[in-house]
């Protein structure tokens, strides 16, 4: 944050989440082609019997929550270090 003057604005998590969704869609198409297990869609480590129509929305919800927590933490540190936001 200090070295690169990195700043985050409130609600930047939405752009990150959009890119996450794009990445997830690509993974959904690539996994069957390469017999991959990206995002653990083939061999789920948690709730292995959960169907994809429940697992994928759950993944999206958990990811959005984590992005929100990360943004809040980053904004808190940014405020304490007096790094101005990009607004």
Protein backbone atom coordinates (compact mmCIF):
# COMPACT_ATOMS: atom_id res chain seq x y z
CA UNK A 1 0.00 0.00 0.00
CA UNK A 2 2.74 2.42 0.95
CA UNK A 3 5.35 1.49 -1.64
CA UNK A 4 3.05 1.66 -4.65
CA UNK A 5 0.62 4.29 -3.36
CA UNK A 6 -2.10 1.69 -3.81
CA UNK A 7 -5.53 2.98 -2.93
CA UNK A 8 -8.96 1.48 -2.86
CA UNK A 9 -12.33 3.18 -3.01
CA UNK A 10 -15.46 2.12 -1.26
CA UNK A 11 -17.33 -0.47 -3.35
CA UNK A 12 -14.30 -1.49 -5.45
CA UNK A 13 -15.27 -5.02 -4.46
CA UNK A 14 -17.93 -4.98 -7.16
CA UNK A 15 -15.39 -4.69 -9.97
CA UNK A 16 -13.29 -7.44 -8.42
CA UNK A 17 -16.37 -9.61 -8.05
CA UNK A 18 -17.32 -9.04 -11.69
CA UNK A 19 -13.87 -10.26 -12.78
CA UNK A 20 -14.25 -13.23 -10.44
CA UNK A 21 -17.52 -14.16 -12.16
CA UNK A 22 -15.87 -13.89 -15.59
CA UNK A 23 -13.03 -16.13 -14.38
CA UNK A 24 -15.52 -18.63 -12.95
CA UNK A 25 -17.40 -18.78 -16.26
CA UNK A 26 -14.15 -19.46 -18.14
CA UNK A 27 -13.27 -22.19 -15.64
CA UNK A 28 -16.69 -23.78 -16.11
CA UNK A 29 -15.96 -24.07 -19.84
CA UNK A 30 -12.30 -25.11 -19.55
CA UNK A 31 -12.59 -27.74 -16.80
CA UNK A 32 -14.34 -30.35 -18.97
CA UNK A 33 -11.94 -29.72 -21.86
CA UNK A 34 -8.77 -30.33 -19.84
CA UNK A 35 -10.26 -32.65 -17.22
CA UNK A 36 -9.36 -29.98 -14.67
CA UNK A 37 -10.48 -29.35 -11.14
CA UNK A 38 -10.20 -25.55 -11.03
CA UNK A 39 -12.35 -24.12 -8.24
CA UNK A 40 -12.70 -27.70 -7.03
CA UNK A 41 -15.71 -28.13 -9.26
CA UNK A 42 -14.92 -31.77 -10.02
CA UNK A 43 -13.66 -32.96 -6.61
CA UNK A 44 -15.14 -30.73 -3.92
CA UNK A 45 -13.13 -30.70 -0.66
CA UNK A 46 -16.08 -29.34 1.34
CA UNK A 47 -19.55 -30.82 0.91
CA UNK A 48 -18.45 -33.28 -1.82
CA UNK A 49 -22.02 -34.45 -2.50
CA UNK A 50 -23.36 -30.95 -3.09
CA UNK A 51 -24.63 -30.39 -6.62
CA UNK A 52 -23.14 -27.64 -8.79
CA UNK A 53 -26.39 -25.65 -8.79
CA UNK A 54 -25.90 -25.20 -5.01
CA UNK A 55 -22.09 -25.25 -4.86
CA UNK A 56 -21.48 -22.47 -7.39
CA UNK A 57 -23.94 -19.93 -5.88
CA UNK A 58 -22.48 -20.79 -2.47
CA UNK A 59 -19.01 -20.10 -3.82
CA UNK A 60 -20.19 -16.76 -5.20
CA UNK A 61 -21.76 -15.77 -1.88
CA UNK A 62 -18.70 -16.72 0.17
CA UNK A 63 -16.40 -14.95 -2.29
CA UNK A 64 -18.46 -11.75 -2.18
CA UNK A 65 -18.38 -11.80 1.61
CA UNK A 66 -14.60 -12.29 1.58
CA UNK A 67 -14.16 -9.46 -0.94
CA UNK A 68 -16.25 -7.23 1.32
CA UNK A 69 -14.19 -8.12 4.38
CA UNK A 70 -10.97 -7.56 2.45
CA UNK A 71 -12.18 -4.18 1.24
CA UNK A 72 -13.18 -3.15 4.75
CA UNK A 73 -9.81 -4.21 6.14
CA UNK A 74 -7.94 -2.43 3.37
CA UNK A 75 -9.97 0.78 3.84
CA UNK A 76 -9.33 0.65 7.59
CA UNK A 77 -5.57 0.31 7.09
CA UNK A 78 -5.66 2.97 4.37
CA UNK A 79 -7.37 5.40 6.76
CA UNK A 80 -4.94 4.68 9.57
CA UNK A 81 -1.94 5.21 7.29
CA UNK A 82 -3.53 8.41 5.93
CA UNK A 83 -3.35 7.19 2.33
CA UNK A 84 -5.84 9.31 0.36
CA UNK A 85 -8.46 7.45 -1.65
CA UNK A 86 -8.75 7.82 -5.45
CA UNK A 87 -11.98 9.83 -5.41
